[in-house]
Amino acid sequence: MVRPTFLGSTSGMADFIAPKYSLLEIERRWLVNRQAIGSLDPSTARCIEDLYIAGSQLRLRKMTSADGNIIYKLGKKYGATDSSGEPVTNLYLTAAEHAIFDSLPGDRASKVRYLISDGALDVYEFPRTGFTVFEREFNNELAALRYLPPSFVVEEITQQPEYSGAALAAVELRTS
């Protein structure tokens, strides 16, 4: 991620200037053919539990690595810009701070993230069991444009909001 200075216009936000402590996330995402991937290395796996807090653009995240190390974060995405990037801000939390935010209402998702082919493969466990997305972050827009994805990708979903993490978490069928 790179620190933006001026991002120009965004959807509904003319002359948007990135917030002071944000970084520009330049990322591309694809649906994948799981059969074309083969076995995954469990030593690269991170279990990720996300809470997309209702009424906000905030995401609470708990990441547990294969060795048991846990990282807690509160993130905010400010929305896509005219460029291929999106300003994001992350704040690292303690377990106690995470527990406070975790009681808030919102949509939840859990997935296992594997490092593969210079990117990350997210295999959802909830609410869309088995749904799989490959994503790759870039240092600049040119690198993102020039990138040739691995042969196991099927369809690019980078610009499709229905495949955002928040949208995927919202598909849970409510029973209460």
N, C-alpha and C. Protein backbone atom coordinates (compact mmCIF):
# COMPACT_ATOMS: atom_id res chain seq x y z
N MET A 1 0.83 -1.17 0.00
CA MET A 1 0.00 0.00 0.00
C MET A 1 0.89 1.24 0.00
N VAL A 2 0.41 2.25 -0.68
CA VAL A 2 1.16 3.50 -0.77
C VAL A 2 0.33 4.64 -0.19
N ARG A 3 0.98 5.66 0.30
CA ARG A 3 0.30 6.81 0.91
C ARG A 3 -0.13 7.78 -0.18
N PRO A 4 -1.45 7.99 -0.37
CA PRO A 4 -1.91 8.93 -1.38
C PRO A 4 -1.83 10.37 -0.88
N THR A 5 -1.66 11.29 -1.79
CA THR A 5 -1.71 12.70 -1.41
C THR A 5 -3.00 13.33 -1.92
N PHE A 6 -3.34 13.10 -3.16
CA PHE A 6 -4.59 13.59 -3.71
C PHE A 6 -5.14 12.53 -4.64
N LEU A 7 -6.40 12.20 -4.48
CA LEU A 7 -6.97 11.11 -5.26
C LEU A 7 -7.97 11.56 -6.30
N GLY A 8 -8.27 12.84 -6.38
CA GLY A 8 -9.26 13.28 -7.35
C GLY A 8 -10.66 12.91 -6.90
N SER A 9 -11.57 12.75 -7.84
CA SER A 9 -12.97 12.50 -7.52
C SER A 9 -13.20 11.03 -7.20
N THR A 10 -14.20 10.78 -6.38
CA THR A 10 -14.68 9.43 -6.12
C THR A 10 -16.17 9.44 -6.34
N SER A 11 -16.76 8.29 -6.33
CA SER A 11 -18.21 8.20 -6.50
C SER A 11 -18.89 8.99 -5.40
N GLY A 12 -19.56 10.06 -5.77
CA GLY A 12 -20.29 10.87 -4.82
C GLY A 12 -19.42 11.77 -3.94
N MET A 13 -18.13 11.83 -4.18
CA MET A 13 -17.25 12.64 -3.35
C MET A 13 -16.30 13.42 -4.24
N ALA A 14 -16.73 14.58 -4.69
CA ALA A 14 -15.89 15.38 -5.58
C ALA A 14 -14.65 15.88 -4.84
N ASP A 15 -13.54 15.87 -5.53
CA ASP A 15 -12.27 16.37 -5.00
C ASP A 15 -11.91 15.76 -3.65
N PHE A 16 -12.08 14.47 -3.54
CA PHE A 16 -11.77 13.75 -2.31
C PHE A 16 -10.27 13.75 -2.05
N ILE A 17 -9.88 14.12 -0.85
CA ILE A 17 -8.49 14.04 -0.43
C ILE A 17 -8.40 12.93 0.60
N ALA A 18 -7.46 12.02 0.40
CA ALA A 18 -7.34 10.88 1.30
C ALA A 18 -7.07 11.33 2.73
N PRO A 19 -7.68 10.66 3.68
CA PRO A 19 -7.42 10.98 5.08
C PRO A 19 -5.93 10.86 5.42
N LYS A 20 -5.50 11.64 6.38
CA LYS A 20 -4.09 11.80 6.72
C LYS A 20 -3.35 10.48 6.93
N TYR A 21 -3.91 9.55 7.65
CA TYR A 21 -3.18 8.33 8.00
C TYR A 21 -3.56 7.14 7.12
N SER A 22 -4.25 7.38 6.04
CA SER A 22 -4.66 6.27 5.17
C SER A 22 -3.54 5.89 4.21
N LEU A 23 -3.64 4.67 3.72
CA LEU A 23 -2.77 4.17 2.67
C LEU A 23 -3.65 3.79 1.50
N LEU A 24 -3.10 3.87 0.31
CA LEU A 24 -3.84 3.50 -0.88
C LEU A 24 -3.67 2.00 -1.13
N GLU A 25 -4.77 1.28 -1.05
CA GLU A 25 -4.75 -0.15 -1.32
C GLU A 25 -5.08 -0.35 -2.80
N ILE A 26 -4.13 -0.90 -3.53
CA ILE A 26 -4.33 -1.21 -4.95
C ILE A 26 -4.37 -2.72 -5.04
N GLU A 27 -5.54 -3.25 -5.36
CA GLU A 27 -5.72 -4.69 -5.31
C GLU A 27 -6.59 -5.15 -6.47
N ARG A 28 -6.35 -6.38 -6.91
CA ARG A 28 -7.22 -7.03 -7.89
C ARG A 28 -7.67 -8.36 -7.29
N ARG A 29 -8.90 -8.79 -7.66
CA ARG A 29 -9.49 -10.00 -7.09
C ARG A 29 -10.14 -10.83 -8.19
N TRP A 30 -10.11 -12.18 -8.01
CA TRP A 30 -10.66 -13.11 -8.99
C TRP A 30 -11.37 -14.27 -8.31
N LEU A 31 -12.39 -14.79 -8.99
CA LEU A 31 -12.94 -16.10 -8.64
C LEU A 31 -11.97 -17.13 -9.18
N VAL A 32 -11.95 -18.31 -8.58
CA VAL A 32 -10.97 -19.32 -8.98
C VAL A 32 -11.61 -20.67 -9.24
N ASN A 33 -10.87 -21.50 -9.96
CA ASN A 33 -11.22 -22.91 -10.15
C ASN A 33 -10.42 -23.69 -9.11
N ARG A 34 -11.07 -24.13 -8.05
CA ARG A 34 -10.37 -24.82 -6.95
C ARG A 34 -9.66 -26.08 -7.41
N GLN A 35 -10.23 -26.80 -8.37
CA GLN A 35 -9.61 -28.03 -8.84
C GLN A 35 -8.27 -27.77 -9.52
N ALA A 36 -8.08 -26.59 -10.06
CA ALA A 36 -6.84 -26.26 -10.78
C ALA A 36 -5.71 -25.85 -9.83
N ILE A 37 -5.99 -25.71 -8.56
CA ILE A 37 -4.99 -25.22 -7.61
C ILE A 37 -4.13 -26.33 -7.04
N GLY A 38 -4.70 -27.46 -6.73
CA GLY A 38 -3.95 -28.52 -6.07
C GLY A 38 -3.96 -28.32 -4.57
N SER A 39 -2.97 -28.90 -3.90
CA SER A 39 -2.94 -28.82 -2.44
C SER A 39 -2.42 -27.46 -1.98
N LEU A 40 -2.88 -27.06 -0.80
CA LEU A 40 -2.48 -25.78 -0.22
C LEU A 40 -1.56 -26.03 0.97
N ASP A 41 -0.60 -25.15 1.17
CA ASP A 41 0.37 -25.29 2.25
C ASP A 41 -0.23 -24.77 3.56
N PRO A 42 -0.54 -25.66 4.51
CA PRO A 42 -1.16 -25.22 5.75
C PRO A 42 -0.28 -24.30 6.60
N SER A 43 1.03 -24.31 6.36
CA SER A 43 1.91 -23.43 7.14
C SER A 43 1.73 -21.96 6.78
N THR A 44 1.11 -21.68 5.62
CA THR A 44 0.85 -20.29 5.21
C THR A 44 -0.56 -19.83 5.59
N ALA A 45 -1.35 -20.72 6.17
CA ALA A 45 -2.75 -20.42 6.46
C ALA A 45 -2.91 -19.45 7.62
N ARG A 46 -3.86 -18.53 7.45
CA ARG A 46 -4.28 -17.63 8.52
C ARG A 46 -5.80 -17.70 8.59
N CYS A 47 -6.32 -17.98 9.77
CA CYS A 47 -7.77 -17.96 9.97
C CYS A 47 -8.18 -16.52 10.22
N ILE A 48 -9.15 -16.06 9.46
CA ILE A 48 -9.59 -14.67 9.54
C ILE A 48 -11.07 -14.63 9.89
N GLU A 49 -11.38 -13.88 10.94
CA GLU A 49 -12.77 -13.66 11.35
C GLU A 49 -13.04 -12.17 11.22
N ASP A 50 -14.03 -11.83 10.40
CA ASP A 50 -14.37 -10.43 10.14
C ASP A 50 -15.76 -10.10 10.65
N LEU A 51 -15.90 -8.90 11.17
CA LEU A 51 -17.20 -8.33 11.50
C LEU A 51 -17.30 -7.00 10.77
N TYR A 52 -18.26 -6.91 9.84
CA TYR A 52 -18.52 -5.66 9.13
C TYR A 52 -19.59 -4.93 9.94
N ILE A 53 -19.17 -3.90 10.65
CA ILE A 53 -20.01 -3.24 11.64
C ILE A 53 -21.16 -2.49 10.95
N ALA A 54 -22.37 -2.80 11.39
CA ALA A 54 -23.59 -2.25 10.79
C ALA A 54 -23.56 -0.73 10.78
N GLY A 55 -24.03 -0.15 9.67
CA GLY A 55 -24.15 1.29 9.55
C GLY A 55 -22.84 2.03 9.38
N SER A 56 -21.79 1.32 9.00
CA SER A 56 -20.48 1.96 8.88
C SER A 56 -19.68 1.32 7.75
N GLN A 57 -18.50 1.84 7.52
CA GLN A 57 -17.54 1.24 6.60
C GLN A 57 -16.38 0.63 7.39
N LEU A 58 -16.67 0.21 8.62
CA LEU A 58 -15.65 -0.36 9.50
C LEU A 58 -15.68 -1.88 9.47
N ARG A 59 -14.48 -2.46 9.52
CA ARG A 59 -14.35 -3.91 9.59
C ARG A 59 -13.46 -4.26 10.79
N LEU A 60 -13.97 -5.10 11.66
CA LEU A 60 -13.21 -5.62 12.78
C LEU A 60 -12.64 -6.97 12.35
N ARG A 61 -11.36 -7.17 12.56
CA ARG A 61 -10.72 -8.41 12.08
C ARG A 61 -9.89 -9.06 13.18
N LYS A 62 -9.98 -10.39 13.23
CA LYS A 62 -9.11 -11.21 14.07
C LYS A 62 -8.41 -12.18 13.13
N MET A 63 -7.07 -12.14 13.14
CA MET A 63 -6.28 -13.03 12.27
C MET A 63 -5.43 -13.93 13.15
N THR A 64 -5.59 -15.25 12.94
CA THR A 64 -4.81 -16.23 13.69
C THR A 64 -3.92 -16.98 12.72
N SER A 65 -2.60 -16.89 12.92
CA SER A 65 -1.65 -17.55 12.02
C SER A 65 -1.54 -19.03 12.38
N ALA A 66 -0.89 -19.79 11.52
CA ALA A 66 -0.72 -21.23 11.72
C ALA A 66 0.01 -21.53 13.02
N ASP A 67 0.87 -20.62 13.48
CA ASP A 67 1.61 -20.84 14.73
C ASP A 67 0.85 -20.33 15.97
N GLY A 68 -0.39 -19.85 15.78
CA GLY A 68 -1.22 -19.42 16.89
C GLY A 68 -1.13 -17.94 17.24
N ASN A 69 -0.29 -17.19 16.55
CA ASN A 69 -0.18 -15.75 16.80
C ASN A 69 -1.48 -15.06 16.35
N ILE A 70 -2.00 -14.17 17.19
CA ILE A 70 -3.27 -13.49 16.89
C ILE A 70 -3.03 -12.00 16.74
N ILE A 71 -3.61 -11.43 15.68
CA ILE A 71 -3.57 -9.99 15.43
C ILE A 71 -5.01 -9.50 15.35
N TYR A 72 -5.29 -8.39 16.04
CA TYR A 72 -6.61 -7.77 16.02
C TYR A 72 -6.49 -6.41 15.35
N LYS A 73 -7.44 -6.12 14.43
CA LYS A 73 -7.41 -4.85 13.71
C LYS A 73 -8.82 -4.29 13.55
N LEU A 74 -8.88 -2.97 13.52
CA LEU A 74 -10.09 -2.27 13.12
C LEU A 74 -9.72 -1.48 11.88
N GLY A 75 -10.41 -1.75 10.78
CA GLY A 75 -10.08 -1.10 9.52
C GLY A 75 -11.24 -0.30 8.98
N LYS A 76 -10.89 0.69 8.17
CA LYS A 76 -11.91 1.49 7.48
C LYS A 76 -11.48 1.65 6.04
N LYS A 77 -12.41 1.36 5.12
CA LYS A 77 -12.20 1.62 3.71
C LYS A 77 -13.05 2.84 3.37
N TYR A 78 -12.46 3.76 2.61
CA TYR A 78 -13.13 5.02 2.32
C TYR A 78 -13.87 5.01 0.99
N GLY A 79 -13.80 3.92 0.25
CA GLY A 79 -14.48 3.83 -1.02
C GLY A 79 -13.51 3.97 -2.17
N ALA A 80 -13.86 3.33 -3.27
CA ALA A 80 -13.00 3.34 -4.46
C ALA A 80 -12.89 4.76 -5.02
N THR A 81 -11.74 5.04 -5.59
CA THR A 81 -11.48 6.34 -6.20
C THR A 81 -11.54 6.20 -7.71
N ASP A 82 -11.28 7.29 -8.42
CA ASP A 82 -11.21 7.22 -9.88
C ASP A 82 -10.03 6.36 -10.32
N SER A 83 -9.04 6.22 -9.47
CA SER A 83 -7.91 5.34 -9.77
C SER A 83 -8.33 3.92 -9.42
N SER A 84 -7.42 2.99 -9.52
CA SER A 84 -7.73 1.60 -9.20
C SER A 84 -7.52 1.31 -7.72
N GLY A 85 -7.26 2.34 -6.92
CA GLY A 85 -7.00 2.13 -5.51
C GLY A 85 -8.11 2.63 -4.62
N GLU A 86 -7.97 2.30 -3.35
CA GLU A 86 -8.94 2.71 -2.34
C GLU A 86 -8.18 3.06 -1.06
N PRO A 87 -8.42 4.25 -0.49
CA PRO A 87 -7.76 4.59 0.76
C PRO A 87 -8.29 3.72 1.90
N VAL A 88 -7.37 3.20 2.70
CA VAL A 88 -7.74 2.37 3.85
C VAL A 88 -6.91 2.81 5.06
N THR A 89 -7.49 2.61 6.23
CA THR A 89 -6.80 2.89 7.48
C THR A 89 -6.99 1.68 8.39
N ASN A 90 -5.93 1.26 9.07
CA ASN A 90 -6.01 0.16 10.04
C ASN A 90 -5.49 0.63 11.38
N LEU A 91 -6.14 0.16 12.42
CA LEU A 91 -5.74 0.43 13.79
C LEU A 91 -5.59 -0.93 14.47
N TYR A 92 -4.43 -1.18 15.05
CA TYR A 92 -4.19 -2.45 15.73
C TYR A 92 -4.74 -2.37 17.14
N LEU A 93 -5.40 -3.45 17.58
CA LEU A 93 -6.11 -3.48 18.85
C LEU A 93 -5.54 -4.54 19.78
N THR A 94 -5.84 -4.41 21.07
CA THR A 94 -5.58 -5.48 22.03
C THR A 94 -6.77 -6.43 21.99
N ALA A 95 -6.62 -7.59 22.63
CA ALA A 95 -7.73 -8.54 22.70
C ALA A 95 -8.92 -7.92 23.43
N ALA A 96 -8.66 -7.15 24.47
CA ALA A 96 -9.74 -6.51 25.23
C ALA A 96 -10.47 -5.47 24.38
N GLU A 97 -9.72 -4.69 23.61
CA GLU A 97 -10.34 -3.69 22.73
C GLU A 97 -11.16 -4.39 21.65
N HIS A 98 -10.63 -5.47 21.10
CA HIS A 98 -11.35 -6.24 20.08
C HIS A 98 -12.68 -6.74 20.64
N ALA A 99 -12.67 -7.23 21.87
CA ALA A 99 -13.88 -7.76 22.49
C ALA A 99 -14.98 -6.70 22.60
N ILE A 100 -14.60 -5.47 22.86
CA ILE A 100 -15.58 -4.38 22.95
C ILE A 100 -16.27 -4.17 21.61
N PHE A 101 -15.50 -4.06 20.54
CA PHE A 101 -16.07 -3.85 19.20
C PHE A 101 -16.82 -5.08 18.71
N ASP A 102 -16.39 -6.27 19.15
CA ASP A 102 -16.99 -7.52 18.68
C ASP A 102 -18.44 -7.67 19.13
N SER A 103 -18.86 -6.90 20.11
CA SER A 103 -20.25 -6.97 20.58
C SER A 103 -21.20 -6.13 19.72
N LEU A 104 -20.66 -5.35 18.80
CA LEU A 104 -21.49 -4.50 17.95
C LEU A 104 -22.21 -5.33 16.90
N PRO A 105 -23.38 -4.86 16.43
CA PRO A 105 -24.10 -5.59 15.39
C PRO A 105 -23.42 -5.43 14.03
N GLY A 106 -23.60 -6.44 13.19
CA GLY A 106 -23.05 -6.40 11.84
C GLY A 106 -23.04 -7.77 11.22
N ASP A 107 -22.48 -7.86 10.04
CA ASP A 107 -22.39 -9.12 9.30
C ASP A 107 -21.02 -9.73 9.51
N ARG A 108 -21.01 -11.04 9.67
CA ARG A 108 -19.76 -11.75 9.96
C ARG A 108 -19.38 -12.68 8.82
N ALA A 109 -18.07 -12.86 8.69
CA ALA A 109 -17.53 -13.83 7.73
C ALA A 109 -16.29 -14.44 8.35
N SER A 110 -16.05 -15.70 8.02
CA SER A 110 -14.79 -16.33 8.42
C SER A 110 -14.24 -17.04 7.20
N LYS A 111 -12.92 -17.02 7.11
CA LYS A 111 -12.24 -17.62 5.96
C LYS A 111 -10.84 -18.03 6.38
N VAL A 112 -10.25 -18.89 5.56
CA VAL A 112 -8.85 -19.24 5.74
C VAL A 112 -8.10 -18.65 4.56
N ARG A 113 -7.05 -17.90 4.85
CA ARG A 113 -6.25 -17.26 3.81
C ARG A 113 -4.92 -18.01 3.67
N TYR A 114 -4.64 -18.42 2.43
CA TYR A 114 -3.38 -19.10 2.11
C TYR A 114 -2.55 -18.18 1.22
N LEU A 115 -1.25 -18.15 1.45
CA LEU A 115 -0.35 -17.43 0.55
C LEU A 115 -0.03 -18.34 -0.62
N ILE A 116 -0.28 -17.84 -1.84
CA ILE A 116 -0.11 -18.66 -3.04
C ILE A 116 0.11 -17.75 -4.24
N SER A 117 1.03 -18.11 -5.12
CA SER A 117 1.27 -17.39 -6.37
C SER A 117 1.40 -15.88 -6.19
N ASP A 118 2.21 -15.44 -5.25
CA ASP A 118 2.44 -14.02 -4.97
C ASP A 118 1.18 -13.27 -4.58
N GLY A 119 0.20 -13.98 -4.09
CA GLY A 119 -1.04 -13.36 -3.66
C GLY A 119 -1.63 -14.13 -2.50
N ALA A 120 -2.94 -14.02 -2.33
CA ALA A 120 -3.63 -14.70 -1.24
C ALA A 120 -4.88 -15.38 -1.78
N LEU A 121 -5.10 -16.58 -1.30
CA LEU A 121 -6.29 -17.35 -1.65
C LEU A 121 -7.17 -17.41 -0.42
N ASP A 122 -8.37 -16.83 -0.51
CA ASP A 122 -9.32 -16.83 0.61
C ASP A 122 -10.36 -17.90 0.37
N VAL A 123 -10.43 -18.86 1.30
CA VAL A 123 -11.42 -19.93 1.24
C VAL A 123 -12.41 -19.67 2.37
N TYR A 124 -13.62 -19.28 1.99
CA TYR A 124 -14.63 -18.91 2.98
C TYR A 124 -15.17 -20.14 3.70
N GLU A 125 -15.34 -19.99 5.02
CA GLU A 125 -15.95 -21.03 5.84
C GLU A 125 -17.36 -20.64 6.26
N PHE A 126 -17.61 -19.32 6.34
CA PHE A 126 -18.92 -18.82 6.73
C PHE A 126 -19.09 -17.41 6.19
N PRO A 127 -20.18 -17.00 5.66
CA PRO A 127 -21.40 -17.77 5.50
C PRO A 127 -21.46 -18.55 4.19
N ARG A 128 -20.48 -18.43 3.33
CA ARG A 128 -20.50 -19.10 2.02
C ARG A 128 -19.41 -20.16 1.97
N THR A 129 -19.67 -21.29 2.59
CA THR A 129 -18.68 -22.36 2.71
C THR A 129 -18.13 -22.75 1.35
N GLY A 130 -16.79 -22.73 1.24
CA GLY A 130 -16.11 -23.16 0.03
C GLY A 130 -15.92 -22.09 -1.03
N PHE A 131 -16.59 -20.96 -0.89
CA PHE A 131 -16.42 -19.87 -1.85
C PHE A 131 -14.97 -19.42 -1.80
N THR A 132 -14.33 -19.26 -2.96
CA THR A 132 -12.89 -19.01 -2.99
C THR A 132 -12.55 -17.83 -3.89
N VAL A 133 -11.70 -16.95 -3.37
CA VAL A 133 -11.27 -15.75 -4.09
C VAL A 133 -9.75 -15.64 -4.01
N PHE A 134 -9.12 -15.32 -5.15
CA PHE A 134 -7.69 -15.03 -5.18
C PHE A 134 -7.54 -13.52 -5.28
N GLU A 135 -6.65 -12.95 -4.45
CA GLU A 135 -6.42 -11.51 -4.53
C GLU A 135 -4.94 -11.21 -4.47
N ARG A 136 -4.60 -10.07 -5.05
CA ARG A 136 -3.19 -9.64 -5.10
C ARG A 136 -3.14 -8.14 -4.92
N GLU A 137 -2.26 -7.67 -4.02
CA GLU A 137 -2.05 -6.24 -3.82
C GLU A 137 -0.81 -5.79 -4.59
N PHE A 138 -0.82 -4.51 -4.97
CA PHE A 138 0.26 -3.94 -5.79
C PHE A 138 0.75 -2.63 -5.20
N ASN A 139 1.99 -2.29 -5.53
CA ASN A 139 2.58 -1.03 -5.08
C ASN A 139 2.15 0.17 -5.91
N ASN A 140 1.70 -0.09 -7.15
CA ASN A 140 1.27 1.01 -8.01
C ASN A 140 0.28 0.49 -9.05
N GLU A 141 -0.40 1.43 -9.69
CA GLU A 141 -1.43 1.07 -10.66
C GLU A 141 -0.86 0.38 -11.89
N LEU A 142 0.31 0.79 -12.34
CA LEU A 142 0.91 0.18 -13.52
C LEU A 142 1.19 -1.30 -13.28
N ALA A 143 1.73 -1.63 -12.12
CA ALA A 143 1.98 -3.03 -11.78
C ALA A 143 0.67 -3.82 -11.77
N ALA A 144 -0.39 -3.22 -11.26
CA ALA A 144 -1.69 -3.89 -11.23
C ALA A 144 -2.21 -4.14 -12.64
N LEU A 145 -2.06 -3.15 -13.52
CA LEU A 145 -2.53 -3.30 -14.90
C LEU A 145 -1.75 -4.34 -15.67
N ARG A 146 -0.45 -4.43 -15.42
CA ARG A 146 0.42 -5.35 -16.16
C ARG A 146 0.37 -6.79 -15.64
N TYR A 147 -0.19 -6.99 -14.47
CA TYR A 147 -0.17 -8.30 -13.82
C TYR A 147 -0.96 -9.34 -14.62
N LEU A 148 -0.34 -10.47 -14.85
CA LEU A 148 -1.01 -11.61 -15.47
C LEU A 148 -1.34 -12.61 -14.37
N PRO A 149 -2.61 -12.85 -14.11
CA PRO A 149 -2.99 -13.73 -13.00
C PRO A 149 -2.64 -15.19 -13.29
N PRO A 150 -2.58 -16.01 -12.25
CA PRO A 150 -2.29 -17.43 -12.43
C PRO A 150 -3.38 -18.13 -13.24
N SER A 151 -3.06 -19.29 -13.75
CA SER A 151 -3.97 -20.02 -14.63
C SER A 151 -5.22 -20.53 -13.92
N PHE A 152 -5.22 -20.59 -12.60
CA PHE A 152 -6.38 -21.12 -11.88
C PHE A 152 -7.50 -20.09 -11.70
N VAL A 153 -7.29 -18.83 -12.10
CA VAL A 153 -8.37 -17.85 -11.96
C VAL A 153 -9.38 -18.02 -13.08
N VAL A 154 -10.63 -17.67 -12.78
CA VAL A 154 -11.72 -17.85 -13.73
C VAL A 154 -12.27 -16.51 -14.21
N GLU A 155 -12.55 -15.62 -13.27
CA GLU A 155 -13.20 -14.35 -13.61
C GLU A 155 -12.72 -13.26 -12.66
N GLU A 156 -12.36 -12.10 -13.21
CA GLU A 156 -11.97 -10.99 -12.35
C GLU A 156 -13.21 -10.34 -11.75
N ILE A 157 -13.15 -10.07 -10.45
CA ILE A 157 -14.29 -9.50 -9.72
C ILE A 157 -13.92 -8.20 -9.01
N THR A 158 -12.77 -7.65 -9.35
CA THR A 158 -12.25 -6.46 -8.66
C THR A 158 -13.28 -5.33 -8.61
N GLN A 159 -13.95 -5.05 -9.69
CA GLN A 159 -14.88 -3.91 -9.77
C GLN A 159 -16.33 -4.31 -9.52
N GLN A 160 -16.56 -5.50 -8.99
CA GLN A 160 -17.93 -5.97 -8.76
C GLN A 160 -18.25 -5.91 -7.27
N PRO A 161 -19.02 -4.90 -6.84
CA PRO A 161 -19.28 -4.70 -5.41
C PRO A 161 -19.96 -5.88 -4.73
N GLU A 162 -20.68 -6.70 -5.48
CA GLU A 162 -21.35 -7.85 -4.87
C GLU A 162 -20.36 -8.91 -4.37
N TYR A 163 -19.08 -8.75 -4.74
CA TYR A 163 -18.04 -9.67 -4.28
C TYR A 163 -17.11 -9.03 -3.25
N SER A 164 -17.46 -7.87 -2.73
CA SER A 164 -16.65 -7.28 -1.66
C SER A 164 -16.78 -8.14 -0.41
N GLY A 165 -15.84 -8.01 0.50
CA GLY A 165 -15.91 -8.77 1.74
C GLY A 165 -17.20 -8.50 2.50
N ALA A 166 -17.60 -7.23 2.56
CA ALA A 166 -18.83 -6.87 3.26
C ALA A 166 -20.05 -7.49 2.60
N ALA A 167 -20.10 -7.48 1.28
CA ALA A 167 -21.24 -8.07 0.56
C ALA A 167 -21.29 -9.58 0.76
N LEU A 168 -20.13 -10.23 0.74
CA LEU A 168 -20.11 -11.68 0.94
C LEU A 168 -20.55 -12.04 2.36
N ALA A 169 -20.20 -11.22 3.34
CA ALA A 169 -20.62 -11.47 4.72
C ALA A 169 -22.12 -11.28 4.88
N ALA A 170 -22.71 -10.40 4.09
CA ALA A 170 -24.13 -10.06 4.23
C ALA A 170 -25.06 -11.13 3.69
N VAL A 171 -24.55 -12.16 3.03
CA VAL A 171 -25.42 -13.17 2.45
C VAL A 171 -25.92 -14.19 3.45
N GLU A 172 -25.46 -14.08 4.70
CA GLU A 172 -25.91 -15.03 5.72
C GLU A 172 -27.43 -15.01 5.81
N LEU A 173 -28.01 -16.20 5.84
CA LEU A 173 -29.45 -16.30 6.01
C LEU A 173 -29.78 -16.12 7.49
N ARG A 174 -30.56 -15.13 7.79
CA ARG A 174 -30.90 -14.81 9.18
C ARG A 174 -32.00 -15.77 9.67
N THR A 175 -31.79 -16.36 10.82
CA THR A 175 -32.80 -17.25 11.40
C THR A 175 -33.40 -16.67 12.67
N SER A 176 -32.86 -15.55 13.14
CA SER A 176 -33.40 -14.95 14.37
C SER A 176 -34.02 -13.60 14.10
